[in-house]
């Protein structure tokens, strides 16, 4: 069976859970921003560039132990939204 081009590029050997756990130590570090938060577009773009390789690695690790890329991506979106909601905290407005 011939895989579409993107899937051929991502073809890999299935790792065991132990192998995947060992990979977590080599995920990498997040570089510090060079643009201030006041430079919104540059700051956001820089953050995306910094996190993309780490996110790609995380998705690859999850896929290597049996999770589908779609499930992992969907779960990451859910967890990110949940994290933002929790970070915002409950409204302090009393309605008066």
N, C-alpha and C. Protein backbone atom coordinates (compact mmCIF):
# COMPACT_ATOMS: atom_id res chain seq x y z
N UNK A 1 0.84 -1.18 0.00
CA UNK A 1 0.00 0.00 0.00
C UNK A 1 0.89 1.24 0.00
N UNK A 2 0.66 2.14 -0.93
CA UNK A 2 1.44 3.37 -1.02
C UNK A 2 0.77 4.46 -0.18
N UNK A 3 1.54 5.03 0.72
CA UNK A 3 1.03 6.07 1.60
C UNK A 3 1.10 7.42 0.91
N UNK A 4 0.15 8.33 1.22
CA UNK A 4 0.28 9.71 0.71
C UNK A 4 1.57 10.32 1.21
N UNK A 5 2.08 11.30 0.53
CA UNK A 5 3.38 11.91 0.84
C UNK A 5 3.56 12.28 2.31
N UNK A 6 2.62 13.00 2.96
CA UNK A 6 2.86 13.37 4.36
C UNK A 6 3.01 12.15 5.27
N UNK A 7 2.24 11.09 5.00
CA UNK A 7 2.34 9.90 5.83
C UNK A 7 3.65 9.16 5.60
N UNK A 8 4.15 9.17 4.37
CA UNK A 8 5.44 8.53 4.10
C UNK A 8 6.53 9.23 4.88
N UNK A 9 6.44 10.56 4.95
CA UNK A 9 7.45 11.32 5.68
C UNK A 9 7.41 11.01 7.17
N UNK A 10 6.25 10.64 7.68
CA UNK A 10 6.11 10.38 9.11
C UNK A 10 6.18 8.89 9.44
N UNK A 11 6.38 8.03 8.43
CA UNK A 11 6.46 6.60 8.69
C UNK A 11 7.61 6.35 9.67
N UNK A 12 7.39 5.48 10.63
CA UNK A 12 8.41 5.20 11.63
C UNK A 12 8.17 3.83 12.24
N UNK A 13 9.15 3.40 13.00
CA UNK A 13 9.04 2.13 13.70
C UNK A 13 8.26 2.35 14.97
N UNK A 14 7.35 1.44 15.29
CA UNK A 14 6.55 1.55 16.50
C UNK A 14 7.45 1.31 17.72
N UNK A 15 7.40 2.21 18.66
CA UNK A 15 8.21 2.11 19.87
C UNK A 15 7.41 1.48 20.99
N UNK A 16 8.11 0.89 21.93
CA UNK A 16 7.44 0.37 23.12
C UNK A 16 7.18 1.52 24.07
N UNK A 17 6.33 1.30 25.06
CA UNK A 17 6.04 2.34 26.06
C UNK A 17 7.31 2.76 26.78
N UNK A 18 8.18 1.78 27.06
CA UNK A 18 9.43 2.09 27.75
C UNK A 18 10.30 3.02 26.89
N UNK A 19 10.38 2.73 25.56
CA UNK A 19 11.14 3.60 24.67
C UNK A 19 10.58 5.01 24.67
N UNK A 20 9.25 5.11 24.59
CA UNK A 20 8.61 6.43 24.56
C UNK A 20 8.87 7.18 25.85
N UNK A 21 8.83 6.50 26.98
CA UNK A 21 9.09 7.16 28.26
C UNK A 21 10.51 7.69 28.30
N UNK A 22 11.46 6.94 27.73
CA UNK A 22 12.84 7.39 27.70
C UNK A 22 13.01 8.60 26.79
N UNK A 23 12.16 8.73 25.77
CA UNK A 23 12.24 9.85 24.85
C UNK A 23 11.81 11.15 25.50
N UNK A 24 11.00 11.09 26.53
CA UNK A 24 10.49 12.31 27.13
C UNK A 24 11.59 13.19 27.69
N UNK A 25 12.72 12.61 28.03
CA UNK A 25 13.81 13.41 28.57
C UNK A 25 14.52 14.20 27.47
N UNK A 26 14.29 13.84 26.20
CA UNK A 26 14.98 14.53 25.11
C UNK A 26 14.04 15.44 24.33
N UNK A 27 12.94 15.86 24.94
CA UNK A 27 11.97 16.70 24.25
C UNK A 27 12.59 18.04 23.90
N UNK A 28 13.37 18.59 24.77
CA UNK A 28 14.02 19.87 24.49
C UNK A 28 13.59 20.96 25.42
N UNK A 29 14.22 22.09 25.27
CA UNK A 29 13.93 23.24 26.12
C UNK A 29 13.20 24.31 25.31
N UNK A 30 12.43 25.10 26.00
CA UNK A 30 11.71 26.20 25.37
C UNK A 30 12.60 27.45 25.48
N UNK A 31 12.93 28.05 24.34
CA UNK A 31 13.75 29.27 24.41
C UNK A 31 12.95 30.44 24.97
N UNK A 32 13.65 31.35 25.60
CA UNK A 32 13.02 32.57 26.13
C UNK A 32 12.62 33.47 24.97
N UNK A 33 11.56 34.27 25.18
CA UNK A 33 11.15 35.19 24.12
C UNK A 33 12.16 36.32 23.95
N UNK A 34 12.27 36.78 22.73
CA UNK A 34 13.12 37.95 22.47
C UNK A 34 12.27 39.18 22.21
N UNK A 35 10.98 38.98 21.94
CA UNK A 35 10.03 40.08 21.74
C UNK A 35 9.19 40.24 23.00
N UNK A 36 8.90 41.47 23.37
CA UNK A 36 8.07 41.70 24.55
C UNK A 36 6.61 41.37 24.22
N UNK A 37 5.83 41.14 25.24
CA UNK A 37 4.40 40.85 25.07
C UNK A 37 3.68 42.03 24.42
N UNK A 38 4.23 43.23 24.56
CA UNK A 38 3.64 44.41 23.93
C UNK A 38 3.72 44.35 22.40
N UNK A 39 4.70 43.60 21.90
CA UNK A 39 4.85 43.38 20.45
C UNK A 39 4.05 42.13 20.10
N UNK A 40 2.73 42.24 20.22
CA UNK A 40 1.84 41.08 20.20
C UNK A 40 2.11 40.11 19.05
N UNK A 41 2.06 40.58 17.81
CA UNK A 41 2.20 39.67 16.66
C UNK A 41 3.56 38.99 16.64
N UNK A 42 4.62 39.73 16.87
CA UNK A 42 5.96 39.14 16.88
C UNK A 42 6.12 38.17 18.05
N UNK A 43 5.57 38.54 19.20
CA UNK A 43 5.64 37.70 20.40
C UNK A 43 4.90 36.38 20.17
N UNK A 44 3.69 36.45 19.62
CA UNK A 44 2.90 35.24 19.34
C UNK A 44 3.58 34.36 18.29
N UNK A 45 4.09 34.98 17.24
CA UNK A 45 4.77 34.22 16.18
C UNK A 45 6.00 33.52 16.72
N UNK A 46 6.74 34.23 17.56
CA UNK A 46 7.94 33.65 18.16
C UNK A 46 7.58 32.48 19.08
N UNK A 47 6.51 32.61 19.82
CA UNK A 47 6.07 31.53 20.70
C UNK A 47 5.69 30.30 19.88
N UNK A 48 4.95 30.51 18.80
CA UNK A 48 4.57 29.39 17.93
C UNK A 48 5.80 28.68 17.38
N UNK A 49 6.77 29.47 16.94
CA UNK A 49 8.00 28.89 16.39
C UNK A 49 8.78 28.11 17.45
N UNK A 50 8.76 28.61 18.67
CA UNK A 50 9.48 27.94 19.76
C UNK A 50 8.81 26.64 20.17
N UNK A 51 7.49 26.63 20.17
CA UNK A 51 6.77 25.45 20.67
C UNK A 51 6.49 24.40 19.61
N UNK A 52 6.47 24.77 18.33
CA UNK A 52 6.12 23.83 17.27
C UNK A 52 6.97 22.57 17.28
N UNK A 53 8.31 22.66 17.32
CA UNK A 53 9.09 21.42 17.31
C UNK A 53 8.83 20.55 18.53
N UNK A 54 8.58 21.18 19.66
CA UNK A 54 8.29 20.42 20.88
C UNK A 54 6.94 19.71 20.76
N UNK A 55 5.96 20.43 20.22
CA UNK A 55 4.64 19.85 20.02
C UNK A 55 4.70 18.71 19.01
N UNK A 56 5.44 18.92 17.92
CA UNK A 56 5.60 17.86 16.93
C UNK A 56 6.21 16.61 17.56
N UNK A 57 7.21 16.81 18.40
CA UNK A 57 7.84 15.68 19.09
C UNK A 57 6.88 14.96 20.02
N UNK A 58 6.08 15.72 20.75
CA UNK A 58 5.09 15.13 21.65
C UNK A 58 4.06 14.31 20.88
N UNK A 59 3.57 14.87 19.78
CA UNK A 59 2.60 14.15 18.96
C UNK A 59 3.22 12.89 18.38
N UNK A 60 4.46 12.98 17.91
CA UNK A 60 5.15 11.80 17.38
C UNK A 60 5.31 10.72 18.45
N UNK A 61 5.67 11.13 19.68
CA UNK A 61 5.82 10.16 20.77
C UNK A 61 4.50 9.46 21.06
N UNK A 62 3.41 10.23 21.14
CA UNK A 62 2.11 9.64 21.42
C UNK A 62 1.68 8.70 20.30
N UNK A 63 1.92 9.11 19.07
CA UNK A 63 1.56 8.26 17.93
C UNK A 63 2.38 6.96 17.93
N UNK A 64 3.63 7.05 18.34
CA UNK A 64 4.50 5.87 18.32
C UNK A 64 4.06 4.78 19.28
N UNK A 65 3.25 5.15 20.28
CA UNK A 65 2.77 4.14 21.22
C UNK A 65 1.30 3.79 21.00
N UNK A 66 0.73 4.28 19.89
CA UNK A 66 -0.60 3.82 19.52
C UNK A 66 -1.71 4.85 19.44
N UNK A 67 -1.48 6.07 19.87
CA UNK A 67 -2.51 7.10 19.77
C UNK A 67 -2.55 7.64 18.35
N UNK A 68 -3.73 7.97 17.86
CA UNK A 68 -3.83 8.57 16.52
C UNK A 68 -3.46 10.04 16.63
N UNK A 69 -2.89 10.57 15.56
CA UNK A 69 -2.51 11.98 15.54
C UNK A 69 -3.73 12.88 15.77
N UNK A 70 -4.86 12.50 15.20
CA UNK A 70 -6.09 13.28 15.35
C UNK A 70 -6.52 13.32 16.82
N UNK A 71 -6.48 12.17 17.50
CA UNK A 71 -6.87 12.11 18.91
C UNK A 71 -5.93 12.94 19.77
N UNK A 72 -4.65 12.83 19.50
CA UNK A 72 -3.66 13.59 20.27
C UNK A 72 -3.87 15.09 20.06
N UNK A 73 -4.03 15.51 18.81
CA UNK A 73 -4.23 16.94 18.53
C UNK A 73 -5.50 17.45 19.20
N UNK A 74 -6.57 16.68 19.10
CA UNK A 74 -7.84 17.08 19.72
C UNK A 74 -7.69 17.18 21.23
N UNK A 75 -7.00 16.24 21.82
CA UNK A 75 -6.78 16.26 23.27
C UNK A 75 -5.94 17.45 23.69
N UNK A 76 -4.92 17.76 22.92
CA UNK A 76 -4.08 18.93 23.23
C UNK A 76 -4.87 20.23 23.16
N UNK A 77 -5.76 20.32 22.17
CA UNK A 77 -6.62 21.50 22.06
C UNK A 77 -7.51 21.61 23.30
N UNK A 78 -8.12 20.48 23.70
CA UNK A 78 -8.98 20.46 24.88
C UNK A 78 -8.20 20.88 26.13
N UNK A 79 -7.02 20.27 26.31
CA UNK A 79 -6.22 20.57 27.50
C UNK A 79 -5.75 22.02 27.52
N UNK A 80 -5.40 22.56 26.36
CA UNK A 80 -4.98 23.96 26.29
C UNK A 80 -6.13 24.88 26.67
N UNK A 81 -7.32 24.60 26.14
CA UNK A 81 -8.49 25.42 26.47
C UNK A 81 -8.82 25.31 27.95
N UNK A 82 -8.71 24.10 28.48
CA UNK A 82 -8.98 23.89 29.90
C UNK A 82 -7.96 24.66 30.75
N UNK A 83 -6.72 24.64 30.33
CA UNK A 83 -5.67 25.35 31.05
C UNK A 83 -5.93 26.86 31.06
N UNK A 84 -6.34 27.40 29.94
CA UNK A 84 -6.64 28.83 29.86
C UNK A 84 -7.83 29.16 30.74
N UNK A 85 -8.85 28.30 30.72
CA UNK A 85 -10.04 28.54 31.56
C UNK A 85 -9.69 28.52 33.03
N UNK A 86 -8.87 27.57 33.44
CA UNK A 86 -8.47 27.47 34.85
C UNK A 86 -7.59 28.66 35.22
N UNK A 87 -6.69 29.05 34.32
CA UNK A 87 -5.80 30.19 34.59
C UNK A 87 -6.57 31.47 34.78
N UNK A 88 -7.66 31.62 34.04
CA UNK A 88 -8.46 32.84 34.13
C UNK A 88 -9.16 32.92 35.48
N UNK A 89 -9.49 31.77 36.05
CA UNK A 89 -10.14 31.72 37.34
C UNK A 89 -11.57 32.19 37.26
N UNK A 90 -12.30 32.01 38.36
CA UNK A 90 -13.70 32.44 38.38
C UNK A 90 -13.82 33.95 38.36
N UNK A 91 -14.92 34.42 37.84
CA UNK A 91 -15.15 35.85 37.79
C UNK A 91 -15.27 36.39 39.21
N UNK A 92 -14.65 37.56 39.43
CA UNK A 92 -14.71 38.19 40.75
C UNK A 92 -15.86 39.18 40.83
N UNK A 93 -16.59 39.32 39.73
CA UNK A 93 -17.71 40.27 39.71
C UNK A 93 -18.85 39.74 40.57
N UNK A 94 -19.39 40.57 41.43
CA UNK A 94 -20.51 40.16 42.29
C UNK A 94 -21.83 40.47 41.65
N UNK A 95 -21.80 41.14 40.50
CA UNK A 95 -23.05 41.47 39.81
C UNK A 95 -23.73 42.70 40.33
N UNK A 96 -23.08 43.43 41.24
CA UNK A 96 -23.68 44.65 41.76
C UNK A 96 -22.93 45.87 41.33
